[in-house]
Every structure is written in structure tokens, then in C-alpha cells.
Amino acid sequence: MKKIILLTVIALSFTFVNAQNIYKTDYEYQADVTVYIVDYEYQADLCVFVEDYEYQADGNEGKWFFVDYEYQADKKVFFVDYEYQADVKIYFVDYEYQAGWKNNSKSYLFF
């Protein structure tokens, strides 16, 4: 019985590990990923929807929640001024259903 409970707790903990909590760094060297914001959706590698609550953030699907402290983050990003400086180009969308990868080859950066 104890093993079943332990396995259940472990399995449930993995289902909640999907949050994509993002912390915006002040300096590029502090970041895990550099990001450039494009003007049009077709230019983006990732379309991002900013969630209002942490529990709404969805793993690697472009639904981000910005946290206030670095230790709360799954990934730390730095927003660059020029496209050539970026690891990933993003476009902020207005609706949750629009979020997601346009270029899956870069999705590994957010695992």
C-alpha cells in the first residue's frame, strides 16, 4: 500500500512540472535563452501568450508566466535588440489558442 501511494505521488508530481515560468534578466550573461521580439507572427519561431496565473502556464507550448524572482523560474530570458543576437524569435499573441511553436527545431531551448 505504501508503494502505491508513493508511486502515485511521484506520478502526480511529474504532471505539474509543465509550467513555463519565465524570468526576465537584466544582463545577457544571466540568461538561459536570448529572445528577440518580431513584428509579425510569420517571422517568429515561437508565438507566446502571457498567462495571468502560474498554473495556466503550459510547458513548452508558448504559454508563459513571468515570475518576479530568478529562483522561481524554469527559464531565464534576456530580450535582445537585434534579431541576429537571439536564440529564439518570438511574437506575443492576444489569444491562448494562438500560442505554440512555428519552428520546432528550437523547442529544445525551453526544456
C-alpha atoms as a PDB file:
ATOM      1  CA  MET A   1       0.000   0.000   0.000  1.00  0.00           C
ATOM      2  CA  LYS A   2       2.829   2.418   0.834  1.00  0.00           C
ATOM      3  CA  LYS A   3       4.448   1.719  -2.525  1.00  0.00           C
ATOM      4  CA  ILE A   4       1.232   2.504  -4.366  1.00  0.00           C
ATOM      5  CA  ILE A   5       0.848   5.806  -2.544  1.00  0.00           C
ATOM      6  CA  LEU A   6       4.483   6.695  -3.173  1.00  0.00           C
ATOM      7  CA  LEU A   7       4.195   5.886  -6.890  1.00  0.00           C
ATOM      8  CA  THR A   8       1.009   7.937  -7.140  1.00  0.00           C
ATOM      9  CA  VAL A   9       2.667  10.951  -5.524  1.00  0.00           C
ATOM     10  CA  ILE A  10       5.663  10.676  -7.854  1.00  0.00           C
ATOM     11  CA  ALA A  11       3.445  10.357 -10.924  1.00  0.00           C
ATOM     12  CA  LEU A  12       1.362  13.369  -9.919  1.00  0.00           C
ATOM     13  CA  SER A  13       4.443  15.476  -9.296  1.00  0.00           C
ATOM     14  CA  PHE A  14       5.580  14.899 -12.890  1.00  0.00           C
ATOM     15  CA  THR A  15       2.259  16.128 -14.243  1.00  0.00           C
ATOM     16  CA  PHE A  16       2.739  19.500 -12.563  1.00  0.00           C
ATOM     17  CA  VAL A  17       6.252  20.056 -13.869  1.00  0.00           C
ATOM     18  CA  ASN A  18       4.969  21.603 -17.094  1.00  0.00           C
ATOM     19  CA  ALA A  19       4.902  25.219 -16.008  1.00  0.00           C
ATOM     20  CA  GLN A  20       6.958  27.569 -18.102  1.00  0.00           C
ATOM     21  CA  ASN A  21       7.864  30.185 -15.560  1.00  0.00           C
ATOM     22  CA  ILE A  22       9.988  32.871 -17.183  1.00  0.00           C
ATOM     23  CA  TYR A  23      12.280  35.375 -15.510  1.00  0.00           C
ATOM     24  CA  LYS A  24      13.492  38.396 -17.468  1.00  0.00           C
ATOM     25  CA  THR A  25      17.156  39.018 -16.705  1.00  0.00           C
ATOM     26  CA  ASP A  26      18.897  42.362 -16.732  1.00  0.00           C
ATOM     27  CA  TYR A  27      22.016  41.093 -18.480  1.00  0.00           C
ATOM     28  CA  GLU A  28      22.582  38.647 -21.330  1.00  0.00           C
ATOM     29  CA  TYR A  29      25.133  36.538 -19.437  1.00  0.00           C
ATOM     30  CA  GLN A  30      22.495  35.726 -16.793  1.00  0.00           C
ATOM     31  CA  ALA A  31      20.064  34.237 -19.309  1.00  0.00           C
ATOM     32  CA  ASP A  32      19.490  30.672 -20.452  1.00  0.00           C
ATOM     33  CA  VAL A  33      17.986  31.899 -23.719  1.00  0.00           C
ATOM     34  CA  THR A  34      18.221  35.156 -25.654  1.00  0.00           C
ATOM     35  CA  VAL A  35      14.965  36.312 -27.224  1.00  0.00           C
ATOM     36  CA  TYR A  36      14.064  38.797 -29.928  1.00  0.00           C
ATOM     37  CA  ILE A  37      10.519  40.106 -30.364  1.00  0.00           C
ATOM     38  CA  VAL A  38       9.467  40.193 -34.018  1.00  0.00           C
ATOM     39  CA  ASP A  39       6.822  42.446 -35.554  1.00  0.00           C
ATOM     40  CA  TYR A  40       4.829  39.765 -37.356  1.00  0.00           C
ATOM     41  CA  GLU A  41       3.711  36.257 -36.469  1.00  0.00           C
ATOM     42  CA  TYR A  42       5.164  34.668 -39.613  1.00  0.00           C
ATOM     43  CA  GLN A  43       8.669  35.805 -38.562  1.00  0.00           C
ATOM     44  CA  ALA A  44       8.523  34.013 -35.205  1.00  0.00           C
ATOM     45  CA  ASP A  45       9.955  30.716 -34.058  1.00  0.00           C
ATOM     46  CA  LEU A  46       7.534  30.752 -31.127  1.00  0.00           C
ATOM     47  CA  CYS A  47       4.227  32.505 -30.559  1.00  0.00           C
ATOM     48  CA  VAL A  48       3.887  33.382 -26.880  1.00  0.00           C
ATOM     49  CA  PHE A  49       0.795  34.029 -24.827  1.00  0.00           C
ATOM     50  CA  VAL A  50       1.384  35.572 -21.397  1.00  0.00           C
ATOM     51  CA  GLU A  51      -0.763  33.900 -18.758  1.00  0.00           C
ATOM     52  CA  ASP A  52      -2.245  35.702 -15.771  1.00  0.00           C
ATOM     53  CA  TYR A  53      -1.652  32.862 -13.333  1.00  0.00           C
ATOM     54  CA  GLU A  54       1.224  30.442 -12.864  1.00  0.00           C
ATOM     55  CA  TYR A  55      -0.945  27.331 -13.004  1.00  0.00           C
ATOM     56  CA  GLN A  56      -2.073  28.281 -16.536  1.00  0.00           C
ATOM     57  CA  ALA A  57       1.431  28.168 -17.997  1.00  0.00           C
ATOM     58  CA  ASP A  58       1.844  25.129 -20.189  1.00  0.00           C
ATOM     59  CA  GLY A  59       5.249  23.588 -20.529  1.00  0.00           C
ATOM     60  CA  ASN A  60       6.896  24.089 -23.839  1.00  0.00           C
ATOM     61  CA  GLU A  61       3.780  25.285 -25.679  1.00  0.00           C
ATOM     62  CA  GLY A  62       4.382  29.024 -25.637  1.00  0.00           C
ATOM     63  CA  LYS A  63       2.224  29.832 -22.627  1.00  0.00           C
ATOM     64  CA  TRP A  64       4.475  31.814 -20.325  1.00  0.00           C
ATOM     65  CA  PHE A  65       4.081  33.196 -16.850  1.00  0.00           C
ATOM     66  CA  PHE A  66       6.570  35.882 -15.824  1.00  0.00           C
ATOM     67  CA  VAL A  67       7.857  35.461 -12.271  1.00  0.00           C
ATOM     68  CA  ASP A  68       9.311  38.139 -10.044  1.00  0.00           C
ATOM     69  CA  TYR A  69      12.319  36.236  -8.773  1.00  0.00           C
ATOM     70  CA  GLU A  70      15.019  34.257 -10.541  1.00  0.00           C
ATOM     71  CA  TYR A  71      14.708  31.233  -8.244  1.00  0.00           C
ATOM     72  CA  GLN A  72      11.053  30.795  -9.311  1.00  0.00           C
ATOM     73  CA  ALA A  73      11.916  30.477 -12.991  1.00  0.00           C
ATOM     74  CA  ASP A  74      12.116  27.441 -15.208  1.00  0.00           C
ATOM     75  CA  LYS A  75      13.955  29.540 -17.785  1.00  0.00           C
ATOM     76  CA  LYS A  76      15.721  32.888 -17.664  1.00  0.00           C
ATOM     77  CA  VAL A  77      15.480  35.022 -20.788  1.00  0.00           C
ATOM     78  CA  PHE A  78      17.139  38.187 -21.984  1.00  0.00           C
ATOM     79  CA  PHE A  79      15.438  40.328 -24.612  1.00  0.00           C
ATOM     80  CA  VAL A  80      17.971  41.467 -27.222  1.00  0.00           C
ATOM     81  CA  ASP A  81      17.803  44.476 -29.519  1.00  0.00           C
ATOM     82  CA  TYR A  82      18.746  42.756 -32.761  1.00  0.00           C
ATOM     83  CA  GLU A  83      17.482  39.587 -34.419  1.00  0.00           C
ATOM     84  CA  TYR A  84      20.959  38.172 -35.056  1.00  0.00           C
ATOM     85  CA  GLN A  85      21.681  38.182 -31.295  1.00  0.00           C
ATOM     86  CA  ALA A  86      18.733  35.921 -30.461  1.00  0.00           C
ATOM     87  CA  ASP A  87      18.464  32.198 -29.907  1.00  0.00           C
ATOM     88  CA  VAL A  88      14.707  32.404 -30.454  1.00  0.00           C
ATOM     89  CA  LYS A  89      12.425  34.890 -32.189  1.00  0.00           C
ATOM     90  CA  ILE A  90       9.055  35.313 -30.501  1.00  0.00           C
ATOM     91  CA  TYR A  91       5.787  37.027 -31.252  1.00  0.00           C
ATOM     92  CA  PHE A  92       3.346  37.895 -28.472  1.00  0.00           C
ATOM     93  CA  VAL A  93      -0.188  36.780 -29.356  1.00  0.00           C
ATOM     94  CA  ASP A  94      -3.504  38.006 -27.993  1.00  0.00           C
ATOM     95  CA  TYR A  95      -5.212  34.654 -27.520  1.00  0.00           C
ATOM     96  CA  GLU A  96      -4.118  31.471 -25.784  1.00  0.00           C
ATOM     97  CA  TYR A  97      -5.034  29.201 -28.717  1.00  0.00           C
ATOM     98  CA  GLN A  98      -2.533  31.074 -30.930  1.00  0.00           C
ATOM     99  CA  ALA A  99       0.451  30.099 -28.764  1.00  0.00           C
ATOM    100  CA  GLY A 100       2.871  27.473 -29.979  1.00  0.00           C
ATOM    101  CA  TRP A 101       5.971  26.676 -31.969  1.00  0.00           C
ATOM    102  CA  LYS A 102       6.339  27.708 -35.589  1.00  0.00           C
ATOM    103  CA  ASN A 103       9.899  26.348 -35.747  1.00  0.00           C
ATOM    104  CA  ASN A 104      10.119  23.170 -33.632  1.00  0.00           C
ATOM    105  CA  SER A 105      13.865  22.858 -34.154  1.00  0.00           C
ATOM    106  CA  LYS A 106      14.394  25.419 -31.383  1.00  0.00           C
ATOM    107  CA  SER A 107      11.997  23.930 -28.842  1.00  0.00           C
ATOM    108  CA  TYR A 108      14.873  22.175 -27.050  1.00  0.00           C
ATOM    109  CA  LEU A 109      15.952  25.567 -25.664  1.00  0.00           C
ATOM    110  CA  PHE A 110      12.949  25.597 -23.340  1.00  0.00           C
ATOM    111  CA  PHE A 111      13.170  22.042 -21.956  1.00  0.00           C
END
